[in-house]
Amino acid sequence: GAVMKDDYLDAIGKAGFQEIRLIDETLFPVKDFIGYANAVEIVECSDALMEMARELGTAIASIKVHAVKREP
């Protein structure tokens, strides 16, 4: 499932990883994903979906993280 970036990075730290660095982040406009929904649903909900996409903007991201976990 999807989680907020800061929560994800925090969870990595709580799992014992150190030197946590965000290597790369790619943002995706929500509107790009609306096209993958069932065509009938888009017709029925298109106004609501497009409004939600406008409000969210680029709320979907893919991140690459570097972290080190040292043995105790």
PDB file of N, CA and C in Angstrom:
ATOM      1  N   GLY A   1       0.814  -1.188   0.000  1.00  0.00           N
ATOM      2  CA  GLY A   1       0.000   0.000   0.000  1.00  0.00           C
ATOM      3  C   GLY A   1       0.860   1.255   0.000  1.00  0.00           C
ATOM      4  N   ALA A   2       0.224   2.329  -0.181  1.00  0.00           N
ATOM      5  CA  ALA A   2       0.909   3.619  -0.237  1.00  0.00           C
ATOM      6  C   ALA A   2       1.004   4.241   1.153  1.00  0.00           C
ATOM      7  N   VAL A   3       2.104   4.891   1.424  1.00  0.00           N
ATOM      8  CA  VAL A   3       2.289   5.607   2.684  1.00  0.00           C
ATOM      9  C   VAL A   3       2.898   6.975   2.384  1.00  0.00           C
ATOM     10  N   MET A   4       2.810   7.842   3.345  1.00  0.00           N
ATOM     11  CA  MET A   4       3.415   9.165   3.208  1.00  0.00           C
ATOM     12  C   MET A   4       4.937   9.021   3.261  1.00  0.00           C
ATOM     13  N   LYS A   5       5.626   9.808   2.480  1.00  0.00           N
ATOM     14  CA  LYS A   5       7.081   9.707   2.369  1.00  0.00           C
ATOM     15  C   LYS A   5       7.765   9.829   3.727  1.00  0.00           C
ATOM     16  N   ASP A   6       7.404  10.822   4.524  1.00  0.00           N
ATOM     17  CA  ASP A   6       8.051  11.015   5.821  1.00  0.00           C
ATOM     18  C   ASP A   6       7.800   9.832   6.748  1.00  0.00           C
ATOM     19  N   ASP A   7       6.593   9.261   6.695  1.00  0.00           N
ATOM     20  CA  ASP A   7       6.283   8.083   7.512  1.00  0.00           C
ATOM     21  C   ASP A   7       7.140   6.893   7.078  1.00  0.00           C
ATOM     22  N   TYR A   8       7.316   6.743   5.775  1.00  0.00           N
ATOM     23  CA  TYR A   8       8.120   5.647   5.236  1.00  0.00           C
ATOM     24  C   TYR A   8       9.581   5.779   5.671  1.00  0.00           C
ATOM     25  N   LEU A   9      10.142   6.972   5.538  1.00  0.00           N
ATOM     26  CA  LEU A   9      11.531   7.193   5.941  1.00  0.00           C
ATOM     27  C   LEU A   9      11.701   7.002   7.442  1.00  0.00           C
ATOM     28  N   ASP A  10      10.713   7.413   8.224  1.00  0.00           N
ATOM     29  CA  ASP A  10      10.741   7.220   9.673  1.00  0.00           C
ATOM     30  C   ASP A  10      10.718   5.730  10.015  1.00  0.00           C
ATOM     31  N   ALA A  11       9.911   4.959   9.307  1.00  0.00           N
ATOM     32  CA  ALA A  11       9.831   3.517   9.549  1.00  0.00           C
ATOM     33  C   ALA A  11      11.160   2.834   9.237  1.00  0.00           C
ATOM     34  N   ILE A  12      11.845   3.298   8.218  1.00  0.00           N
ATOM     35  CA  ILE A  12      13.165   2.751   7.888  1.00  0.00           C
ATOM     36  C   ILE A  12      14.127   2.995   9.049  1.00  0.00           C
ATOM     37  N   GLY A  13      14.097   4.194   9.615  1.00  0.00           N
ATOM     38  CA  GLY A  13      14.942   4.507  10.766  1.00  0.00           C
ATOM     39  C   GLY A  13      14.589   3.669  11.981  1.00  0.00           C
ATOM     40  N   LYS A  14      13.306   3.485  12.233  1.00  0.00           N
ATOM     41  CA  LYS A  14      12.866   2.680  13.378  1.00  0.00           C
ATOM     42  C   LYS A  14      13.228   1.209  13.214  1.00  0.00           C
ATOM     43  N   ALA A  15      13.434   0.771  11.971  1.00  0.00           N
ATOM     44  CA  ALA A  15      13.830  -0.614  11.707  1.00  0.00           C
ATOM     45  C   ALA A  15      15.331  -0.825  11.904  1.00  0.00           C
ATOM     46  N   GLY A  16      16.038   0.221  12.317  1.00  0.00           N
ATOM     47  CA  GLY A  16      17.451   0.092  12.625  1.00  0.00           C
ATOM     48  C   GLY A  16      18.401   0.549  11.532  1.00  0.00           C
ATOM     49  N   PHE A  17      17.870   1.130  10.482  1.00  0.00           N
ATOM     50  CA  PHE A  17      18.724   1.624   9.411  1.00  0.00           C
ATOM     51  C   PHE A  17      19.252   3.007   9.755  1.00  0.00           C
ATOM     52  N   GLN A  18      20.462   3.298   9.273  1.00  0.00           N
ATOM     53  CA  GLN A  18      21.102   4.592   9.490  1.00  0.00           C
ATOM     54  C   GLN A  18      21.513   5.172   8.143  1.00  0.00           C
ATOM     55  N   GLU A  19      22.020   6.383   8.172  1.00  0.00           N
ATOM     56  CA  GLU A  19      22.481   7.056   6.954  1.00  0.00           C
ATOM     57  C   GLU A  19      21.401   7.034   5.870  1.00  0.00           C
ATOM     58  N   ILE A  20      20.178   7.313   6.269  1.00  0.00           N
ATOM     59  CA  ILE A  20      19.036   7.270   5.358  1.00  0.00           C
ATOM     60  C   ILE A  20      19.079   8.490   4.449  1.00  0.00           C
ATOM     61  N   ARG A  21      19.113   8.224   3.146  1.00  0.00           N
ATOM     62  CA  ARG A  21      19.149   9.318   2.169  1.00  0.00           C
ATOM     63  C   ARG A  21      18.137   9.051   1.069  1.00  0.00           C
ATOM     64  N   LEU A  22      17.467  10.095   0.676  1.00  0.00           N
ATOM     65  CA  LEU A  22      16.570  10.030  -0.466  1.00  0.00           C
ATOM     66  C   LEU A  22      17.425  10.208  -1.718  1.00  0.00           C
ATOM     67  N   ILE A  23      17.514   9.186  -2.546  1.00  0.00           N
ATOM     68  CA  ILE A  23      18.354   9.208  -3.739  1.00  0.00           C
ATOM     69  C   ILE A  23      17.635   9.860  -4.911  1.00  0.00           C
ATOM     70  N   ASP A  24      16.365   9.514  -5.091  1.00  0.00           N
ATOM     71  CA  ASP A  24      15.614  10.021  -6.234  1.00  0.00           C
ATOM     72  C   ASP A  24      14.131  10.046  -5.885  1.00  0.00           C
ATOM     73  N   GLU A  25      13.430  10.978  -6.481  1.00  0.00           N
ATOM     74  CA  GLU A  25      11.983  11.072  -6.285  1.00  0.00           C
ATOM     75  C   GLU A  25      11.354  11.472  -7.615  1.00  0.00           C
ATOM     76  N   THR A  26      10.387  10.687  -8.040  1.00  0.00           N
ATOM     77  CA  THR A  26       9.659  10.971  -9.269  1.00  0.00           C
ATOM     78  C   THR A  26       8.205  11.215  -8.914  1.00  0.00           C
ATOM     79  N   LEU A  27       7.691  12.361  -9.324  1.00  0.00           N
ATOM     80  CA  LEU A  27       6.305  12.708  -9.037  1.00  0.00           C
ATOM     81  C   LEU A  27       5.433  12.390 -10.243  1.00  0.00           C
ATOM     82  N   PHE A  28       4.236  11.889  -9.957  1.00  0.00           N
ATOM     83  CA  PHE A  28       3.280  11.537 -10.998  1.00  0.00           C
ATOM     84  C   PHE A  28       1.985  12.288 -10.765  1.00  0.00           C
ATOM     85  N   PRO A  29       1.477  12.980 -11.778  1.00  0.00           N
ATOM     86  CA  PRO A  29       0.173  13.637 -11.631  1.00  0.00           C
ATOM     87  C   PRO A  29      -0.922  12.589 -11.452  1.00  0.00           C
ATOM     88  N   VAL A  30      -1.797  12.817 -10.499  1.00  0.00           N
ATOM     89  CA  VAL A  30      -2.892  11.894 -10.225  1.00  0.00           C
ATOM     90  C   VAL A  30      -3.732  11.681 -11.474  1.00  0.00           C
ATOM     91  N   LYS A  31      -3.895  12.716 -12.270  1.00  0.00           N
ATOM     92  CA  LYS A  31      -4.749  12.609 -13.459  1.00  0.00           C
ATOM     93  C   LYS A  31      -4.245  11.541 -14.424  1.00  0.00           C
ATOM     94  N   ASP A  32      -2.957  11.220 -14.406  1.00  0.00           N
ATOM     95  CA  ASP A  32      -2.425  10.174 -15.273  1.00  0.00           C
ATOM     96  C   ASP A  32      -2.969   8.801 -14.908  1.00  0.00           C
ATOM     97  N   PHE A  33      -3.321   8.599 -13.646  1.00  0.00           N
ATOM     98  CA  PHE A  33      -3.801   7.304 -13.192  1.00  0.00           C
ATOM     99  C   PHE A  33      -5.302   7.136 -13.366  1.00  0.00           C
ATOM    100  N   ILE A  34      -6.004   8.224 -13.547  1.00  0.00           N
ATOM    101  CA  ILE A  34      -7.449   8.134 -13.720  1.00  0.00           C
ATOM    102  C   ILE A  34      -7.782   7.355 -14.982  1.00  0.00           C
ATOM    103  N   GLY A  35      -6.973   7.445 -16.004  1.00  0.00           N
ATOM    104  CA  GLY A  35      -7.210   6.742 -17.254  1.00  0.00           C
ATOM    105  C   GLY A  35      -7.196   5.233 -17.123  1.00  0.00           C
ATOM    106  N   TYR A  36      -6.656   4.694 -16.037  1.00  0.00           N
ATOM    107  CA  TYR A  36      -6.597   3.255 -15.856  1.00  0.00           C
ATOM    108  C   TYR A  36      -7.872   2.692 -15.243  1.00  0.00           C
ATOM    109  N   ALA A  37      -8.754   3.524 -14.789  1.00  0.00           N
ATOM    110  CA  ALA A  37     -10.004   3.053 -14.182  1.00  0.00           C
ATOM    111  C   ALA A  37     -10.930   2.506 -15.257  1.00  0.00           C
ATOM    112  N   ASN A  38     -11.930   1.775 -14.809  1.00  0.00           N
ATOM    113  CA  ASN A  38     -12.947   1.229 -15.711  1.00  0.00           C
ATOM    114  C   ASN A  38     -13.615   2.369 -16.463  1.00  0.00           C
ATOM    115  N   ALA A  39     -13.751   2.237 -17.775  1.00  0.00           N
ATOM    116  CA  ALA A  39     -14.298   3.318 -18.604  1.00  0.00           C
ATOM    117  C   ALA A  39     -15.691   3.729 -18.162  1.00  0.00           C
ATOM    118  N   VAL A  40     -16.521   2.790 -17.748  1.00  0.00           N
ATOM    119  CA  VAL A  40     -17.879   3.115 -17.298  1.00  0.00           C
ATOM    120  C   VAL A  40     -17.819   3.978 -16.043  1.00  0.00           C
ATOM    121  N   GLU A  41     -16.920   3.646 -15.130  1.00  0.00           N
ATOM    122  CA  GLU A  41     -16.782   4.432 -13.906  1.00  0.00           C
ATOM    123  C   GLU A  41     -16.314   5.847 -14.217  1.00  0.00           C
ATOM    124  N   ILE A  42     -15.457   5.998 -15.196  1.00  0.00           N
ATOM    125  CA  ILE A  42     -14.981   7.331 -15.566  1.00  0.00           C
ATOM    126  C   ILE A  42     -16.133   8.177 -16.076  1.00  0.00           C
ATOM    127  N   VAL A  43     -16.963   7.582 -16.919  1.00  0.00           N
ATOM    128  CA  VAL A  43     -18.109   8.325 -17.449  1.00  0.00           C
ATOM    129  C   VAL A  43     -19.035   8.741 -16.319  1.00  0.00           C
ATOM    130  N   GLU A  44     -19.273   7.826 -15.372  1.00  0.00           N
ATOM    131  CA  GLU A  44     -20.190   8.108 -14.268  1.00  0.00           C
ATOM    132  C   GLU A  44     -19.606   9.093 -13.270  1.00  0.00           C
ATOM    133  N   CYS A  45     -18.301   9.075 -13.080  1.00  0.00           N
ATOM    134  CA  CYS A  45     -17.677   9.874 -12.020  1.00  0.00           C
ATOM    135  C   CYS A  45     -16.652  10.870 -12.551  1.00  0.00           C
ATOM    136  N   SER A  46     -16.649  11.146 -13.831  1.00  0.00           N
ATOM    137  CA  SER A  46     -15.559  11.927 -14.406  1.00  0.00           C
ATOM    138  C   SER A  46     -15.394  13.298 -13.765  1.00  0.00           C
ATOM    139  N   ASP A  47     -16.480  13.993 -13.487  1.00  0.00           N
ATOM    140  CA  ASP A  47     -16.348  15.317 -12.872  1.00  0.00           C
ATOM    141  C   ASP A  47     -15.696  15.220 -11.500  1.00  0.00           C
ATOM    142  N   ALA A  48     -16.148  14.269 -10.690  1.00  0.00           N
ATOM    143  CA  ALA A  48     -15.587  14.099  -9.349  1.00  0.00           C
ATOM    144  C   ALA A  48     -14.123  13.680  -9.424  1.00  0.00           C
ATOM    145  N   LEU A  49     -13.789  12.775 -10.335  1.00  0.00           N
ATOM    146  CA  LEU A  49     -12.405  12.322 -10.462  1.00  0.00           C
ATOM    147  C   LEU A  49     -11.479  13.440 -10.920  1.00  0.00           C
ATOM    148  N   MET A  50     -11.914  14.203 -11.876  1.00  0.00           N
ATOM    149  CA  MET A  50     -11.072  15.291 -12.364  1.00  0.00           C
ATOM    150  C   MET A  50     -10.892  16.377 -11.307  1.00  0.00           C
ATOM    151  N   GLU A  51     -11.929  16.648 -10.532  1.00  0.00           N
ATOM    152  CA  GLU A  51     -11.805  17.624  -9.448  1.00  0.00           C
ATOM    153  C   GLU A  51     -10.802  17.120  -8.406  1.00  0.00           C
ATOM    154  N   MET A  52     -10.889  15.830  -8.072  1.00  0.00           N
ATOM    155  CA  MET A  52      -9.955  15.250  -7.108  1.00  0.00           C
ATOM    156  C   MET A  52      -8.530  15.334  -7.653  1.00  0.00           C
ATOM    157  N   ALA A  53      -8.343  15.058  -8.926  1.00  0.00           N
ATOM    158  CA  ALA A  53      -7.014  15.133  -9.534  1.00  0.00           C
ATOM    159  C   ALA A  53      -6.462  16.548  -9.463  1.00  0.00           C
ATOM    160  N   ARG A  54      -7.306  17.529  -9.701  1.00  0.00           N
ATOM    161  CA  ARG A  54      -6.851  18.929  -9.620  1.00  0.00           C
ATOM    162  C   ARG A  54      -6.435  19.282  -8.193  1.00  0.00           C
ATOM    163  N   GLU A  55      -7.194  18.806  -7.210  1.00  0.00           N
ATOM    164  CA  GLU A  55      -6.888  19.118  -5.812  1.00  0.00           C
ATOM    165  C   GLU A  55      -5.596  18.440  -5.360  1.00  0.00           C
ATOM    166  N   LEU A  56      -5.379  17.211  -5.806  1.00  0.00           N
ATOM    167  CA  LEU A  56      -4.209  16.462  -5.362  1.00  0.00           C
ATOM    168  C   LEU A  56      -2.942  16.842  -6.109  1.00  0.00           C
ATOM    169  N   GLY A  57      -3.091  17.293  -7.338  1.00  0.00           N
ATOM    170  CA  GLY A  57      -1.914  17.677  -8.119  1.00  0.00           C
ATOM    171  C   GLY A  57      -0.980  16.511  -8.330  1.00  0.00           C
ATOM    172  N   THR A  58       0.263  16.621  -7.870  1.00  0.00           N
ATOM    173  CA  THR A  58       1.241  15.544  -8.013  1.00  0.00           C
ATOM    174  C   THR A  58       1.435  14.863  -6.669  1.00  0.00           C
ATOM    175  N   ALA A  59       0.399  14.199  -6.196  1.00  0.00           N
ATOM    176  CA  ALA A  59       0.434  13.596  -4.871  1.00  0.00           C
ATOM    177  C   ALA A  59       0.990  12.178  -4.876  1.00  0.00           C
ATOM    178  N   ILE A  60       1.271  11.614  -6.040  1.00  0.00           N
ATOM    179  CA  ILE A  60       1.807  10.266  -6.108  1.00  0.00           C
ATOM    180  C   ILE A  60       3.289  10.368  -6.441  1.00  0.00           C
ATOM    181  N   ALA A  61       4.111   9.672  -5.638  1.00  0.00           N
ATOM    182  CA  ALA A  61       5.556   9.739  -5.851  1.00  0.00           C
ATOM    183  C   ALA A  61       6.167   8.349  -5.747  1.00  0.00           C
ATOM    184  N   SER A  62       7.231   8.159  -6.483  1.00  0.00           N
ATOM    185  CA  SER A  62       8.056   6.971  -6.368  1.00  0.00           C
ATOM    186  C   SER A  62       9.404   7.457  -5.855  1.00  0.00           C
ATOM    187  N   ILE A  63       9.908   6.815  -4.803  1.00  0.00           N
ATOM    188  CA  ILE A  63      11.186   7.264  -4.253  1.00  0.00           C
ATOM    189  C   ILE A  63      12.193   6.123  -4.233  1.00  0.00           C
ATOM    190  N   LYS A  64      13.464   6.492  -4.320  1.00  0.00           N
ATOM    191  CA  LYS A  64      14.576   5.560  -4.146  1.00  0.00           C
ATOM    192  C   LYS A  64      15.328   6.018  -2.913  1.00  0.00           C
ATOM    193  N   VAL A  65      15.595   5.077  -2.023  1.00  0.00           N
ATOM    194  CA  VAL A  65      16.209   5.396  -0.739  1.00  0.00           C
ATOM    195  C   VAL A  65      17.480   4.575  -0.565  1.00  0.00           C
ATOM    196  N   HIS A  66      18.487   5.194   0.025  1.00  0.00           N
ATOM    197  CA  HIS A  66      19.706   4.486   0.414  1.00  0.00           C
ATOM    198  C   HIS A  66      19.767   4.520   1.932  1.00  0.00           C
ATOM    199  N   ALA A  67      20.051   3.359   2.535  1.00  0.00           N
ATOM    200  CA  ALA A  67      20.191   3.290   3.987  1.00  0.00           C
ATOM    201  C   ALA A  67      21.140   2.144   4.323  1.00  0.00           C
ATOM    202  N   VAL A  68      21.756   2.235   5.479  1.00  0.00           N
ATOM    203  CA  VAL A  68      22.716   1.225   5.920  1.00  0.00           C
ATOM    204  C   VAL A  68      22.232   0.650   7.240  1.00  0.00           C
ATOM    205  N   LYS A  69      22.270  -0.693   7.332  1.00  0.00           N
ATOM    206  CA  LYS A  69      21.928  -1.342   8.600  1.00  0.00           C
ATOM    207  C   LYS A  69      23.167  -2.091   9.068  1.00  0.00           C
ATOM    208  N   ARG A  70      23.705  -1.618  10.152  1.00  0.00           N
ATOM    209  CA  ARG A  70      24.918  -2.213  10.696  1.00  0.00           C
ATOM    210  C   ARG A  70      24.540  -3.343  11.662  1.00  0.00           C
ATOM    211  N   GLU A  71      25.342  -4.375  11.660  1.00  0.00           N
ATOM    212  CA  GLU A  71      25.134  -5.479  12.598  1.00  0.00           C
ATOM    213  C   GLU A  71      25.552  -5.027  13.997  1.00  0.00           C
ATOM    214  N   PRO A  72      24.800  -5.431  15.006  1.00  0.00           N
ATOM    215  CA  PRO A  72      25.139  -5.011  16.387  1.00  0.00           C
ATOM    216  C   PRO A  72      26.420  -5.622  16.899  1.00  0.00           C
TER     217      PRO A  72
END
